[in-house]
Amino acid sequence: MLSLSKIPFPIRHIFIEAGRIAQFFYLIIVDGLRPEYEWKEFLKQCFYVGNKSLPLAGVTAFIIGLVLTLQSRPTMQMFGAEAWLPAMVSISIIREIGPVITALICAGKVASGIGAELGSMRVTEQIDAMEVSGISPIKYIVITRVLATTLMLPVLVILSDAISLWGSYIGINMQGNISLRLYVMQVFDNVEYSDIIPSLIKSYFFGFAIGFVGCYKGYYSSKGTEGVGRSANTAVVISSLLIFIIDLLAVQILQILGII
């Protein structure tokens, strides 16, 4: 019989980490379905994720829309398709650029913040104190944050798409002349529900990944202040990687279903 100690440490660590992740996910599901619900903390986290992330996401979205338009115009002019510029930019933003860029910004801001916050609570034994006093830390500090990121990221994506399209409109008018009404008509004539709905659906998965990874790395943080910093950094790296993986899987699924 193979002894556990004889298994190489990297392989053993992978299995231990996978088991801990599965246990953490199970606790979220079980405690999340059990009343009472922490509505006040949930709304507080929604404000943190949504309102405080919007300025950075909005500025980035505006610049993306403006730059994408300015860089695409020369190529479109070469093929005599400058009139298709609003349609091309809007589909690119709504399908792919808007959700992914917004999710990456939230991964850098929100996931690191959650990882550092929960890591500090762990090393200062606040989570242990909650368990001793009969308060479920999973329900109070984990589920509220995971739900907040899951529900608020699609809202941020919608606002970022709108701001990015506004930036694109300004970019078009920097070297041309098109009315706002005509621009909006060209955008909505070419954008379909098959472009909007899948991008919003995968935004929920992006938000869940950001909240789950941030909470997981912070909840199991250790080794004092060094561990808190490592948890915040690892939360950003892993959540960003998961965003790209989820996006890749979403594209493959949509191609199999014949949506794109």
Protein backbone atom coordinates (compact mmCIF):
# COMPACT_ATOMS: atom_id res chain seq x y z
CA MET A 1 0.00 0.00 0.00
CA LEU A 2 1.38 3.38 -1.04
CA SER A 3 2.06 5.69 1.89
CA LEU A 4 0.85 9.30 1.59
CA SER A 5 4.28 10.52 2.66
CA LYS A 6 5.88 8.79 -0.34
CA ILE A 7 3.84 10.85 -2.83
CA PRO A 8 5.93 13.75 -4.19
CA PHE A 9 5.10 17.01 -2.44
CA PRO A 10 3.91 18.94 -5.56
CA ILE A 11 1.41 16.21 -6.43
CA ARG A 12 0.32 15.84 -2.81
CA HIS A 13 -0.11 19.62 -2.53
CA ILE A 14 -2.31 19.69 -5.64
CA PHE A 15 -4.65 17.06 -4.21
CA ILE A 16 -4.78 18.77 -0.82
CA GLU A 17 -5.53 22.13 -2.44
CA ALA A 18 -8.23 20.58 -4.64
CA GLY A 19 -9.86 18.98 -1.60
CA ARG A 20 -9.77 22.26 0.31
CA ILE A 21 -11.33 24.14 -2.63
CA ALA A 22 -14.11 21.54 -2.92
CA GLN A 23 -14.77 21.76 0.82
CA PHE A 24 -14.84 25.58 0.67
CA PHE A 25 -17.30 25.49 -2.25
CA TYR A 26 -19.49 22.99 -0.37
CA LEU A 27 -19.58 25.23 2.71
CA ILE A 28 -20.62 28.21 0.58
CA ILE A 29 -23.48 26.24 -0.98
CA VAL A 30 -24.70 24.75 2.31
CA ASP A 31 -24.49 27.94 4.37
CA GLY A 32 -25.82 30.03 1.48
CA LEU A 33 -29.09 28.08 1.39
CA ARG A 34 -29.58 28.29 5.14
CA PRO A 35 -31.36 31.35 6.65
CA GLU A 36 -30.74 33.89 8.18
CA TYR A 37 -29.25 36.03 5.41
CA GLU A 38 -26.86 38.90 5.93
CA TRP A 39 -28.60 41.48 3.76
CA LYS A 40 -26.92 44.51 5.30
CA GLU A 41 -23.42 43.14 4.74
CA PHE A 42 -24.40 41.99 1.25
CA LEU A 43 -25.57 45.49 0.25
CA LYS A 44 -22.41 46.97 1.73
CA GLN A 45 -20.27 44.67 -0.40
CA CYS A 46 -22.36 45.45 -3.50
CA PHE A 47 -21.60 49.14 -2.93
CA TYR A 48 -17.91 48.38 -2.54
CA VAL A 49 -17.70 46.19 -5.63
CA GLY A 50 -19.94 48.30 -7.85
CA ASN A 51 -19.66 51.94 -6.90
CA LYS A 52 -15.99 51.96 -5.96
CA SER A 53 -14.93 49.95 -9.02
CA LEU A 54 -16.94 52.00 -11.52
CA PRO A 55 -14.57 55.02 -11.86
CA LEU A 56 -11.56 52.88 -12.78
CA ALA A 57 -13.61 50.59 -15.01
CA GLY A 58 -15.29 53.58 -16.68
CA VAL A 59 -12.05 55.41 -17.44
CA THR A 60 -10.49 52.24 -18.83
CA ALA A 61 -13.56 51.47 -20.94
CA PHE A 62 -13.61 54.99 -22.39
CA ILE A 63 -9.94 54.78 -23.37
CA ILE A 64 -10.40 51.29 -24.87
CA GLY A 65 -13.31 52.47 -27.03
CA LEU A 66 -11.45 55.58 -28.16
CA VAL A 67 -8.16 53.80 -28.95
CA LEU A 68 -9.84 50.87 -30.68
CA THR A 69 -11.70 53.24 -32.97
CA LEU A 70 -8.65 55.35 -33.80
CA GLN A 71 -6.52 52.29 -34.56
CA SER A 72 -9.19 50.52 -36.61
CA ARG A 73 -10.06 53.50 -38.82
CA PRO A 74 -6.95 53.34 -41.12
CA THR A 75 -7.50 49.64 -41.83
CA MET A 76 -11.20 50.17 -42.52
CA GLN A 77 -10.35 53.06 -44.84
CA MET A 78 -7.97 50.84 -46.85
CA PHE A 79 -10.87 48.51 -47.68
CA GLY A 80 -13.39 51.31 -48.16
CA ALA A 81 -15.41 50.09 -45.19
CA GLU A 82 -15.20 53.13 -42.95
CA ALA A 83 -18.98 53.21 -42.67
CA TRP A 84 -18.82 49.83 -40.88
CA LEU A 85 -16.59 51.21 -38.12
CA PRO A 86 -19.39 51.71 -35.51
CA ALA A 87 -20.68 48.19 -36.11
CA MET A 88 -17.25 46.56 -35.90
CA VAL A 89 -16.24 48.41 -32.74
CA SER A 90 -19.57 47.86 -30.98
CA ILE A 91 -19.60 44.12 -31.64
CA SER A 92 -15.97 43.79 -30.49
CA ILE A 93 -16.66 45.70 -27.30
CA ILE A 94 -19.93 44.01 -26.38
CA ARG A 95 -18.86 40.47 -27.23
CA GLU A 96 -15.36 40.33 -25.85
CA ILE A 97 -13.42 43.44 -24.90
CA GLY A 98 -15.92 44.96 -22.47
CA PRO A 99 -16.56 41.88 -20.28
CA VAL A 100 -12.93 40.72 -20.19
CA ILE A 101 -11.33 44.12 -19.50
CA THR A 102 -13.92 44.97 -16.83
CA ALA A 103 -13.43 41.58 -15.17
CA LEU A 104 -9.65 41.99 -15.17
CA ILE A 105 -9.95 45.42 -13.56
CA CYS A 106 -12.22 43.99 -10.86
CA ALA A 107 -9.80 41.10 -10.39
CA GLY A 108 -7.00 43.56 -9.71
CA LYS A 109 -9.03 45.79 -7.42
CA VAL A 110 -11.69 43.62 -5.80
CA ALA A 111 -9.97 40.22 -5.56
CA SER A 112 -6.85 41.74 -4.02
CA GLY A 113 -8.95 43.77 -1.59
CA ILE A 114 -10.99 40.76 -0.50
CA GLY A 115 -7.89 38.57 -0.18
CA ALA A 116 -6.08 41.17 1.92
CA GLU A 117 -9.16 41.89 4.08
CA LEU A 118 -9.94 38.26 4.87
CA GLY A 119 -6.24 37.48 5.27
CA SER A 120 -5.95 40.22 7.89
CA MET A 121 -9.03 38.88 9.67
CA ARG A 122 -7.49 35.41 9.68
CA VAL A 123 -4.06 36.37 11.04
CA THR A 124 -5.60 38.65 13.69
CA GLU A 125 -7.92 35.78 14.72
CA GLN A 126 -11.12 37.70 13.97
CA ILE A 127 -12.47 34.73 12.00
CA ASP A 128 -11.71 32.42 14.92
CA ALA A 129 -13.50 34.82 17.27
CA MET A 130 -16.58 34.75 15.03
CA GLU A 131 -16.62 30.95 15.10
CA VAL A 132 -16.30 30.91 18.91
CA SER A 133 -19.14 33.42 19.30
CA GLY A 134 -21.47 31.32 17.15
CA ILE A 135 -21.38 33.51 14.01
CA SER A 136 -20.74 31.69 10.75
CA PRO A 137 -17.79 33.43 9.03
CA ILE A 138 -18.67 31.66 5.79
CA LYS A 139 -22.16 33.17 5.79
CA TYR A 140 -21.17 36.63 7.02
CA ILE A 141 -17.88 37.42 5.25
CA VAL A 142 -17.61 34.91 2.40
CA ILE A 143 -21.06 34.41 0.89
CA THR A 144 -21.87 38.12 0.95
CA ARG A 145 -18.71 38.95 -0.98
CA VAL A 146 -19.09 36.14 -3.50
CA LEU A 147 -22.69 37.11 -4.20
CA ALA A 148 -21.77 40.79 -4.47
CA THR A 149 -19.08 40.17 -7.08
CA THR A 150 -21.29 37.71 -8.97
CA LEU A 151 -24.25 40.09 -9.22
CA MET A 152 -22.43 43.41 -9.63
CA LEU A 153 -19.95 42.48 -12.34
CA PRO A 154 -22.62 42.20 -15.08
CA VAL A 155 -23.88 45.64 -14.05
CA LEU A 156 -20.35 47.01 -14.35
CA VAL A 157 -20.00 45.33 -17.74
CA ILE A 158 -23.16 47.01 -19.05
CA LEU A 159 -22.02 50.43 -17.84
CA SER A 160 -18.50 49.88 -19.17
CA ASP A 161 -19.88 48.87 -22.58
CA ALA A 162 -21.95 52.05 -22.73
CA ILE A 163 -18.98 54.22 -21.73
CA SER A 164 -16.73 52.44 -24.21
CA LEU A 165 -19.22 53.02 -27.03
CA TRP A 166 -19.33 56.68 -26.07
CA GLY A 167 -15.53 56.77 -26.35
CA SER A 168 -15.83 55.14 -29.76
CA TYR A 169 -18.32 57.81 -30.87
CA ILE A 170 -15.88 60.54 -29.85
CA GLY A 171 -13.06 58.71 -31.69
CA ILE A 172 -15.10 58.56 -34.89
CA ASN A 173 -15.87 62.28 -34.72
CA MET A 174 -12.21 63.18 -34.17
CA GLN A 175 -11.55 62.43 -37.85
CA GLY A 176 -15.04 62.45 -39.26
CA ASN A 177 -18.54 63.71 -38.69
CA ILE A 178 -21.42 61.49 -37.63
CA SER A 179 -24.45 62.41 -35.57
CA LEU A 180 -25.13 60.64 -32.28
CA ARG A 181 -28.48 59.40 -33.57
CA LEU A 182 -26.94 57.83 -36.67
CA TYR A 183 -24.17 56.26 -34.60
CA VAL A 184 -26.65 54.71 -32.17
CA MET A 185 -28.77 53.41 -35.06
CA GLN A 186 -25.75 51.78 -36.70
CA VAL A 187 -24.75 50.16 -33.41
CA PHE A 188 -28.17 48.71 -32.62
CA ASP A 189 -28.80 47.64 -36.21
CA ASN A 190 -25.77 45.34 -36.03
CA VAL A 191 -25.81 44.19 -32.40
CA GLU A 192 -28.08 41.23 -31.69
CA TYR A 193 -29.23 39.44 -28.57
CA SER A 194 -26.81 36.64 -29.42
CA ASP A 195 -24.02 39.18 -28.84
CA ILE A 196 -25.37 40.63 -25.59
CA ILE A 197 -26.79 37.66 -23.67
CA PRO A 198 -23.69 35.38 -23.81
CA SER A 199 -21.42 38.23 -22.71
CA LEU A 200 -23.66 38.91 -19.70
CA ILE A 201 -23.90 35.22 -18.79
CA LYS A 202 -20.14 34.76 -18.75
CA SER A 203 -19.86 37.97 -16.71
CA TYR A 204 -21.67 36.18 -13.87
CA PHE A 205 -19.05 33.44 -13.98
CA PHE A 206 -16.27 36.06 -14.06
CA GLY A 207 -17.75 37.68 -10.96
CA PHE A 208 -18.12 34.39 -9.13
CA ALA A 209 -14.51 33.45 -9.91
CA ILE A 210 -13.25 36.81 -8.62
CA GLY A 211 -15.21 36.60 -5.37
CA PHE A 212 -14.54 32.91 -4.76
CA VAL A 213 -10.78 33.10 -5.33
CA GLY A 214 -10.40 36.28 -3.28
CA CYS A 215 -12.34 34.81 -0.36
CA TYR A 216 -10.61 31.43 -0.57
CA LYS A 217 -7.07 32.81 -0.58
CA GLY A 218 -7.84 35.25 2.22
CA TYR A 219 -9.81 32.77 4.34
CA TYR A 220 -6.94 30.28 4.41
CA SER A 221 -4.18 32.87 4.72
CA SER A 222 -1.36 32.23 7.17
CA LYS A 223 2.16 33.31 8.21
CA GLY A 224 1.29 36.78 9.44
CA THR A 225 1.56 39.91 7.32
CA GLU A 226 3.65 38.09 4.72
CA GLY A 227 0.82 35.64 4.19
CA VAL A 228 -1.69 38.49 3.79
CA GLY A 229 0.36 40.04 1.00
CA ARG A 230 0.81 36.67 -0.67
CA SER A 231 -2.93 35.99 -0.46
CA ALA A 232 -3.80 39.30 -2.11
CA ASN A 233 -1.24 38.79 -4.87
CA THR A 234 -2.22 35.18 -5.52
CA ALA A 235 -5.91 36.11 -5.61
CA VAL A 236 -5.26 38.59 -8.44
CA VAL A 237 -3.12 36.16 -10.45
CA ILE A 238 -5.45 33.17 -10.14
CA SER A 239 -8.68 35.12 -10.72
CA SER A 240 -7.19 36.79 -13.82
CA LEU A 241 -6.13 33.39 -15.17
CA LEU A 242 -9.60 31.97 -14.48
CA ILE A 243 -11.19 34.84 -16.39
CA PHE A 244 -9.25 33.89 -19.52
CA ILE A 245 -10.03 30.20 -19.04
CA ILE A 246 -13.76 30.86 -18.56
CA ASP A 247 -13.76 33.12 -21.60
CA LEU A 248 -12.09 30.42 -23.69
CA LEU A 249 -14.60 27.81 -22.55
CA ALA A 250 -17.49 30.20 -23.23
CA VAL A 251 -16.31 30.76 -26.81
CA GLN A 252 -15.98 27.01 -27.40
CA ILE A 253 -19.46 26.34 -25.99
CA LEU A 254 -21.01 29.11 -28.09
CA GLN A 255 -19.35 27.71 -31.23
CA ILE A 256 -20.66 24.21 -30.47
CA LEU A 257 -24.18 25.63 -29.97
CA GLY A 258 -23.86 27.59 -33.22
CA ILE A 259 -24.45 30.95 -31.59
CA ILE A 260 -21.24 32.47 -32.97
